[in-house]
Amino acid sequence: MPNRAVAERRCATARAIRVAAAVPCSGTYCAMADFARWETDFGGARLAYEEAGLGPQDVDVVECHDVFSVGEILTL
């Protein structure tokens, strides 16, 4: 993975983005009673915050992909 100097040299107009954590996780949605509250997402977020040493107030952008199509809509 290129460091910040390499990224800036390759594209002088772009700003480097720091990925503080990446946490893949999976779970089961079949037995969920509340489809607007995904325990898997909450657990993944907790792990990512711990790995990054950050809290929600420190984050500008989050990517959360859920292959259960309505899951992303309900989570947002």
PDB file of N, CA and C in Angstrom:
ATOM      1  N   MET A   1       0.852  -1.178   0.000  1.00  0.00           N
ATOM      2  CA  MET A   1       0.000   0.000   0.000  1.00  0.00           C
ATOM      3  C   MET A   1       0.894   1.234   0.000  1.00  0.00           C
ATOM      4  N   PRO A   2       0.626   2.196  -0.879  1.00  0.00           N
ATOM      5  CA  PRO A   2       1.448   3.394  -0.949  1.00  0.00           C
ATOM      6  C   PRO A   2       1.298   4.246   0.309  1.00  0.00           C
ATOM      7  N   ASN A   3       2.387   4.906   0.675  1.00  0.00           N
ATOM      8  CA  ASN A   3       2.273   5.821   1.797  1.00  0.00           C
ATOM      9  C   ASN A   3       1.779   7.175   1.309  1.00  0.00           C
ATOM     10  N   ARG A   4       1.611   8.117   2.207  1.00  0.00           N
ATOM     11  CA  ARG A   4       1.041   9.422   1.866  1.00  0.00           C
ATOM     12  C   ARG A   4       1.867  10.157   0.822  1.00  0.00           C
ATOM     13  N   ALA A   5       3.211  10.138   0.950  1.00  0.00           N
ATOM     14  CA  ALA A   5       4.077  10.845   0.000  1.00  0.00           C
ATOM     15  C   ALA A   5       3.919  10.284  -1.408  1.00  0.00           C
ATOM     16  N   VAL A   6       3.847   8.962  -1.525  1.00  0.00           N
ATOM     17  CA  VAL A   6       3.682   8.332  -2.832  1.00  0.00           C
ATOM     18  C   VAL A   6       2.327   8.713  -3.418  1.00  0.00           C
ATOM     19  N   ALA A   7       1.273   8.690  -2.600  1.00  0.00           N
ATOM     20  CA  ALA A   7      -0.063   9.046  -3.079  1.00  0.00           C
ATOM     21  C   ALA A   7      -0.099  10.492  -3.557  1.00  0.00           C
ATOM     22  N   GLU A   8       0.518  11.393  -2.816  1.00  0.00           N
ATOM     23  CA  GLU A   8       0.533  12.803  -3.204  1.00  0.00           C
ATOM     24  C   GLU A   8       1.352  13.039  -4.467  1.00  0.00           C
ATOM     25  N   ARG A   9       2.417  12.289  -4.626  1.00  0.00           N
ATOM     26  CA  ARG A   9       3.260  12.423  -5.821  1.00  0.00           C
ATOM     27  C   ARG A   9       2.507  11.952  -7.062  1.00  0.00           C
ATOM     28  N   ARG A  10       1.714  10.912  -6.923  1.00  0.00           N
ATOM     29  CA  ARG A  10       0.980  10.365  -8.067  1.00  0.00           C
ATOM     30  C   ARG A  10      -0.195  11.238  -8.478  1.00  0.00           C
ATOM     31  N   CYS A  11      -0.767  11.952  -7.561  1.00  0.00           N
ATOM     32  CA  CYS A  11      -1.927  12.790  -7.880  1.00  0.00           C
ATOM     33  C   CYS A  11      -1.872  14.035  -7.002  1.00  0.00           C
ATOM     34  N   ALA A  12      -1.272  15.072  -7.523  1.00  0.00           N
ATOM     35  CA  ALA A  12      -1.027  16.285  -6.743  1.00  0.00           C
ATOM     36  C   ALA A  12      -2.310  16.964  -6.273  1.00  0.00           C
ATOM     37  N   THR A  13      -3.423  16.761  -6.953  1.00  0.00           N
ATOM     38  CA  THR A  13      -4.663  17.443  -6.574  1.00  0.00           C
ATOM     39  C   THR A  13      -5.504  16.647  -5.591  1.00  0.00           C
ATOM     40  N   ALA A  14      -5.191  15.393  -5.397  1.00  0.00           N
ATOM     41  CA  ALA A  14      -5.980  14.554  -4.500  1.00  0.00           C
ATOM     42  C   ALA A  14      -5.393  14.557  -3.093  1.00  0.00           C
ATOM     43  N   ARG A  15      -6.260  14.367  -2.125  1.00  0.00           N
ATOM     44  CA  ARG A  15      -5.799  14.225  -0.750  1.00  0.00           C
ATOM     45  C   ARG A  15      -5.777  12.739  -0.404  1.00  0.00           C
ATOM     46  N   ALA A  16      -4.763  12.355   0.336  1.00  0.00           N
ATOM     47  CA  ALA A  16      -4.667  10.964   0.760  1.00  0.00           C
ATOM     48  C   ALA A  16      -5.758  10.668   1.792  1.00  0.00           C
ATOM     49  N   ILE A  17      -6.292   9.488   1.741  1.00  0.00           N
ATOM     50  CA  ILE A  17      -7.310   9.058   2.687  1.00  0.00           C
ATOM     51  C   ILE A  17      -6.696   7.993   3.572  1.00  0.00           C
ATOM     52  N   ARG A  18      -6.867   8.142   4.869  1.00  0.00           N
ATOM     53  CA  ARG A  18      -6.342   7.159   5.816  1.00  0.00           C
ATOM     54  C   ARG A  18      -7.465   6.216   6.229  1.00  0.00           C
ATOM     55  N   VAL A  19      -7.244   4.936   6.010  1.00  0.00           N
ATOM     56  CA  VAL A  19      -8.196   3.925   6.467  1.00  0.00           C
ATOM     57  C   VAL A  19      -7.721   3.488   7.841  1.00  0.00           C
ATOM     58  N   ALA A  20      -8.484   3.828   8.856  1.00  0.00           N
ATOM     59  CA  ALA A  20      -8.088   3.552  10.230  1.00  0.00           C
ATOM     60  C   ALA A  20      -8.420   2.123  10.659  1.00  0.00           C
ATOM     61  N   ALA A  21      -9.413   1.513  10.031  1.00  0.00           N
ATOM     62  CA  ALA A  21      -9.796   0.141  10.384  1.00  0.00           C
ATOM     63  C   ALA A  21     -10.634  -0.452   9.264  1.00  0.00           C
ATOM     64  N   ALA A  22     -10.524  -1.754   9.124  1.00  0.00           N
ATOM     65  CA  ALA A  22     -11.364  -2.515   8.199  1.00  0.00           C
ATOM     66  C   ALA A  22     -11.734  -3.803   8.919  1.00  0.00           C
ATOM     67  N   VAL A  23     -13.004  -4.008   9.165  1.00  0.00           N
ATOM     68  CA  VAL A  23     -13.448  -5.149   9.958  1.00  0.00           C
ATOM     69  C   VAL A  23     -14.518  -5.927   9.202  1.00  0.00           C
ATOM     70  N   PRO A  24     -14.157  -7.035   8.576  1.00  0.00           N
ATOM     71  CA  PRO A  24     -15.189  -7.879   7.967  1.00  0.00           C
ATOM     72  C   PRO A  24     -15.873  -8.701   9.053  1.00  0.00           C
ATOM     73  N   CYS A  25     -17.168  -8.837   8.963  1.00  0.00           N
ATOM     74  CA  CYS A  25     -17.893  -9.658   9.923  1.00  0.00           C
ATOM     75  C   CYS A  25     -19.130 -10.221   9.253  1.00  0.00           C
ATOM     76  N   SER A  26     -19.684 -11.241   9.834  1.00  0.00           N
ATOM     77  CA  SER A  26     -20.891 -11.834   9.284  1.00  0.00           C
ATOM     78  C   SER A  26     -21.783 -12.283  10.425  1.00  0.00           C
ATOM     79  N   GLY A  27     -23.022 -12.539  10.090  1.00  0.00           N
ATOM     80  CA  GLY A  27     -23.961 -12.972  11.105  1.00  0.00           C
ATOM     81  C   GLY A  27     -25.189 -13.559  10.463  1.00  0.00           C
ATOM     82  N   THR A  28     -26.184 -13.839  11.270  1.00  0.00           N
ATOM     83  CA  THR A  28     -27.435 -14.418  10.803  1.00  0.00           C
ATOM     84  C   THR A  28     -28.560 -13.431  11.051  1.00  0.00           C
ATOM     85  N   TYR A  29     -29.334 -13.179  10.023  1.00  0.00           N
ATOM     86  CA  TYR A  29     -30.450 -12.264  10.151  1.00  0.00           C
ATOM     87  C   TYR A  29     -31.781 -13.011  10.230  1.00  0.00           C
ATOM     88  N   CYS A  30     -31.753 -14.300  10.053  1.00  0.00           N
ATOM     89  CA  CYS A  30     -32.990 -15.079   9.991  1.00  0.00           C
ATOM     90  C   CYS A  30     -33.806 -15.000  11.279  1.00  0.00           C
ATOM     91  N   ALA A  31     -33.154 -14.953  12.417  1.00  0.00           N
ATOM     92  CA  ALA A  31     -33.869 -14.976  13.690  1.00  0.00           C
ATOM     93  C   ALA A  31     -34.060 -13.583  14.279  1.00  0.00           C
ATOM     94  N   MET A  32     -33.791 -12.551  13.504  1.00  0.00           N
ATOM     95  CA  MET A  32     -33.878 -11.175  14.015  1.00  0.00           C
ATOM     96  C   MET A  32     -35.344 -10.773  14.196  1.00  0.00           C
ATOM     97  N   ALA A  33     -35.657 -10.210  15.341  1.00  0.00           N
ATOM     98  CA  ALA A  33     -37.003  -9.718  15.588  1.00  0.00           C
ATOM     99  C   ALA A  33     -37.150  -8.272  15.124  1.00  0.00           C
ATOM    100  N   ASP A  34     -36.067  -7.519  15.169  1.00  0.00           N
ATOM    101  CA  ASP A  34     -36.095  -6.102  14.807  1.00  0.00           C
ATOM    102  C   ASP A  34     -35.155  -5.884  13.629  1.00  0.00           C
ATOM    103  N   PHE A  35     -35.697  -5.744  12.434  1.00  0.00           N
ATOM    104  CA  PHE A  35     -34.872  -5.614  11.241  1.00  0.00           C
ATOM    105  C   PHE A  35     -34.257  -4.226  11.085  1.00  0.00           C
ATOM    106  N   ALA A  36     -34.512  -3.321  12.010  1.00  0.00           N
ATOM    107  CA  ALA A  36     -33.877  -2.000  11.972  1.00  0.00           C
ATOM    108  C   ALA A  36     -32.711  -1.928  12.950  1.00  0.00           C
ATOM    109  N   ARG A  37     -32.408  -3.019  13.645  1.00  0.00           N
ATOM    110  CA  ARG A  37     -31.303  -3.043  14.607  1.00  0.00           C
ATOM    111  C   ARG A  37     -30.474  -4.302  14.364  1.00  0.00           C
ATOM    112  N   TRP A  38     -29.352  -4.145  13.685  1.00  0.00           N
ATOM    113  CA  TRP A  38     -28.513  -5.274  13.299  1.00  0.00           C
ATOM    114  C   TRP A  38     -27.373  -5.441  14.296  1.00  0.00           C
ATOM    115  N   GLU A  39     -27.432  -6.470  15.091  1.00  0.00           N
ATOM    116  CA  GLU A  39     -26.374  -6.709  16.073  1.00  0.00           C
ATOM    117  C   GLU A  39     -25.022  -6.934  15.408  1.00  0.00           C
ATOM    118  N   THR A  40     -25.025  -7.546  14.221  1.00  0.00           N
ATOM    119  CA  THR A  40     -23.774  -7.763  13.499  1.00  0.00           C
ATOM    120  C   THR A  40     -23.124  -6.428  13.147  1.00  0.00           C
ATOM    121  N   ASP A  41     -23.911  -5.462  12.694  1.00  0.00           N
ATOM    122  CA  ASP A  41     -23.373  -4.139  12.356  1.00  0.00           C
ATOM    123  C   ASP A  41     -22.844  -3.428  13.594  1.00  0.00           C
ATOM    124  N   PHE A  42     -23.590  -3.495  14.695  1.00  0.00           N
ATOM    125  CA  PHE A  42     -23.136  -2.849  15.924  1.00  0.00           C
ATOM    126  C   PHE A  42     -21.844  -3.482  16.430  1.00  0.00           C
ATOM    127  N   GLY A  43     -21.760  -4.805  16.372  1.00  0.00           N
ATOM    128  CA  GLY A  43     -20.535  -5.495  16.799  1.00  0.00           C
ATOM    129  C   GLY A  43     -19.357  -5.154  15.911  1.00  0.00           C
ATOM    130  N   GLY A  44     -19.584  -5.107  14.596  1.00  0.00           N
ATOM    131  CA  GLY A  44     -18.524  -4.732  13.661  1.00  0.00           C
ATOM    132  C   GLY A  44     -18.046  -3.314  13.893  1.00  0.00           C
ATOM    133  N   ALA A  45     -18.978  -2.408  14.158  1.00  0.00           N
ATOM    134  CA  ALA A  45     -18.613  -1.017  14.441  1.00  0.00           C
ATOM    135  C   ALA A  45     -17.781  -0.928  15.715  1.00  0.00           C
ATOM    136  N   ARG A  46     -18.179  -1.653  16.749  1.00  0.00           N
ATOM    137  CA  ARG A  46     -17.394  -1.650  18.004  1.00  0.00           C
ATOM    138  C   ARG A  46     -15.972  -2.136  17.754  1.00  0.00           C
ATOM    139  N   LEU A  47     -15.841  -3.215  16.995  1.00  0.00           N
ATOM    140  CA  LEU A  47     -14.501  -3.740  16.676  1.00  0.00           C
ATOM    141  C   LEU A  47     -13.680  -2.732  15.877  1.00  0.00           C
ATOM    142  N   ALA A  48     -14.305  -2.065  14.916  1.00  0.00           N
ATOM    143  CA  ALA A  48     -13.602  -1.078  14.092  1.00  0.00           C
ATOM    144  C   ALA A  48     -13.147   0.107  14.938  1.00  0.00           C
ATOM    145  N   TYR A  49     -14.006   0.599  15.817  1.00  0.00           N
ATOM    146  CA  TYR A  49     -13.610   1.713  16.692  1.00  0.00           C
ATOM    147  C   TYR A  49     -12.444   1.314  17.584  1.00  0.00           C
ATOM    148  N   GLU A  50     -12.483   0.089  18.121  1.00  0.00           N
ATOM    149  CA  GLU A  50     -11.378  -0.395  18.962  1.00  0.00           C
ATOM    150  C   GLU A  50     -10.085  -0.496  18.158  1.00  0.00           C
ATOM    151  N   GLU A  51     -10.164  -1.081  16.963  1.00  0.00           N
ATOM    152  CA  GLU A  51      -8.981  -1.249  16.117  1.00  0.00           C
ATOM    153  C   GLU A  51      -8.382   0.111  15.742  1.00  0.00           C
ATOM    154  N   ALA A  52      -9.229   1.081  15.457  1.00  0.00           N
ATOM    155  CA  ALA A  52      -8.770   2.399  15.019  1.00  0.00           C
ATOM    156  C   ALA A  52      -8.366   3.291  16.182  1.00  0.00           C
ATOM    157  N   GLY A  53      -8.837   2.973  17.375  1.00  0.00           N
ATOM    158  CA  GLY A  53      -8.581   3.845  18.512  1.00  0.00           C
ATOM    159  C   GLY A  53      -9.349   5.152  18.394  1.00  0.00           C
ATOM    160  N   LEU A  54     -10.528   5.101  17.766  1.00  0.00           N
ATOM    161  CA  LEU A  54     -11.358   6.282  17.529  1.00  0.00           C
ATOM    162  C   LEU A  54     -12.768   6.043  18.053  1.00  0.00           C
ATOM    163  N   GLY A  55     -13.561   7.105  18.045  1.00  0.00           N
ATOM    164  CA  GLY A  55     -14.974   7.011  18.384  1.00  0.00           C
ATOM    165  C   GLY A  55     -15.798   7.603  17.264  1.00  0.00           C
ATOM    166  N   PRO A  56     -17.120   7.508  17.346  1.00  0.00           N
ATOM    167  CA  PRO A  56     -17.984   8.017  16.276  1.00  0.00           C
ATOM    168  C   PRO A  56     -17.735   9.492  15.952  1.00  0.00           C
ATOM    169  N   GLN A  57     -17.391  10.282  16.942  1.00  0.00           N
ATOM    170  CA  GLN A  57     -17.159  11.706  16.726  1.00  0.00           C
ATOM    171  C   GLN A  57     -15.914  11.974  15.886  1.00  0.00           C
ATOM    172  N   ASP A  58     -15.043  10.995  15.720  1.00  0.00           N
ATOM    173  CA  ASP A  58     -13.794  11.162  14.978  1.00  0.00           C
ATOM    174  C   ASP A  58     -13.894  10.746  13.516  1.00  0.00           C
ATOM    175  N   VAL A  59     -15.029  10.202  13.107  1.00  0.00           N
ATOM    176  CA  VAL A  59     -15.166   9.584  11.791  1.00  0.00           C
ATOM    177  C   VAL A  59     -15.935  10.493  10.835  1.00  0.00           C
ATOM    178  N   ASP A  60     -15.371  10.677   9.626  1.00  0.00           N
ATOM    179  CA  ASP A  60     -16.036  11.476   8.592  1.00  0.00           C
ATOM    180  C   ASP A  60     -16.802  10.605   7.598  1.00  0.00           C
ATOM    181  N   VAL A  61     -16.265   9.410   7.281  1.00  0.00           N
ATOM    182  CA  VAL A  61     -16.866   8.552   6.264  1.00  0.00           C
ATOM    183  C   VAL A  61     -16.846   7.105   6.762  1.00  0.00           C
ATOM    184  N   VAL A  62     -17.964   6.415   6.545  1.00  0.00           N
ATOM    185  CA  VAL A  62     -18.063   5.002   6.899  1.00  0.00           C
ATOM    186  C   VAL A  62     -18.626   4.258   5.701  1.00  0.00           C
ATOM    187  N   GLU A  63     -18.074   3.093   5.416  1.00  0.00           N
ATOM    188  CA  GLU A  63     -18.650   2.231   4.395  1.00  0.00           C
ATOM    189  C   GLU A  63     -19.110   0.959   5.083  1.00  0.00           C
ATOM    190  N   CYS A  64     -20.383   0.666   4.943  1.00  0.00           N
ATOM    191  CA  CYS A  64     -20.937  -0.555   5.513  1.00  0.00           C
ATOM    192  C   CYS A  64     -21.729  -1.241   4.420  1.00  0.00           C
ATOM    193  N   HIS A  65     -21.238  -2.364   3.961  1.00  0.00           N
ATOM    194  CA  HIS A  65     -21.929  -3.099   2.905  1.00  0.00           C
ATOM    195  C   HIS A  65     -22.639  -4.292   3.522  1.00  0.00           C
ATOM    196  N   ASP A  66     -23.885  -4.452   3.180  1.00  0.00           N
ATOM    197  CA  ASP A  66     -24.681  -5.575   3.652  1.00  0.00           C
ATOM    198  C   ASP A  66     -25.328  -6.220   2.430  1.00  0.00           C
ATOM    199  N   VAL A  67     -25.084  -7.496   2.209  1.00  0.00           N
ATOM    200  CA  VAL A  67     -25.616  -8.149   1.017  1.00  0.00           C
ATOM    201  C   VAL A  67     -27.123  -8.393   1.100  1.00  0.00           C
ATOM    202  N   PHE A  68     -27.696  -8.210   2.270  1.00  0.00           N
ATOM    203  CA  PHE A  68     -29.150  -8.269   2.428  1.00  0.00           C
ATOM    204  C   PHE A  68     -29.646  -6.882   2.039  1.00  0.00           C
ATOM    205  N   SER A  69     -30.126  -6.708   0.814  1.00  0.00           N
ATOM    206  CA  SER A  69     -30.329  -5.396   0.188  1.00  0.00           C
ATOM    207  C   SER A  69     -31.087  -4.393   1.048  1.00  0.00           C
ATOM    208  N   VAL A  70     -32.130  -4.791   1.717  1.00  0.00           N
ATOM    209  CA  VAL A  70     -32.876  -3.842   2.533  1.00  0.00           C
ATOM    210  C   VAL A  70     -32.119  -3.495   3.812  1.00  0.00           C
ATOM    211  N   GLY A  71     -31.126  -4.306   4.165  1.00  0.00           N
ATOM    212  CA  GLY A  71     -30.332  -4.060   5.370  1.00  0.00           C
ATOM    213  C   GLY A  71     -29.642  -2.721   5.360  1.00  0.00           C
ATOM    214  N   GLU A  72     -29.029  -2.366   4.233  1.00  0.00           N
ATOM    215  CA  GLU A  72     -28.342  -1.082   4.149  1.00  0.00           C
ATOM    216  C   GLU A  72     -29.324   0.070   4.291  1.00  0.00           C
ATOM    217  N   ILE A  73     -30.476  -0.033   3.687  1.00  0.00           N
ATOM    218  CA  ILE A  73     -31.475   1.039   3.776  1.00  0.00           C
ATOM    219  C   ILE A  73     -31.942   1.216   5.210  1.00  0.00           C
ATOM    220  N   LEU A  74     -32.245   0.136   5.892  1.00  0.00           N
ATOM    221  CA  LEU A  74     -32.712   0.208   7.277  1.00  0.00           C
ATOM    222  C   LEU A  74     -31.612   0.708   8.206  1.00  0.00           C
ATOM    223  N   THR A  75     -30.366   0.286   7.963  1.00  0.00           N
ATOM    224  CA  THR A  75     -29.254   0.719   8.799  1.00  0.00           C
ATOM    225  C   THR A  75     -29.054   2.223   8.675  1.00  0.00           C
ATOM    226  N   LEU A  76     -29.137   2.745   7.447  1.00  0.00           N
ATOM    227  CA  LEU A  76     -28.960   4.186   7.256  1.00  0.00           C
ATOM    228  C   LEU A  76     -30.107   4.943   7.851  1.00  0.00           C
TER     229      LEU A  76
END
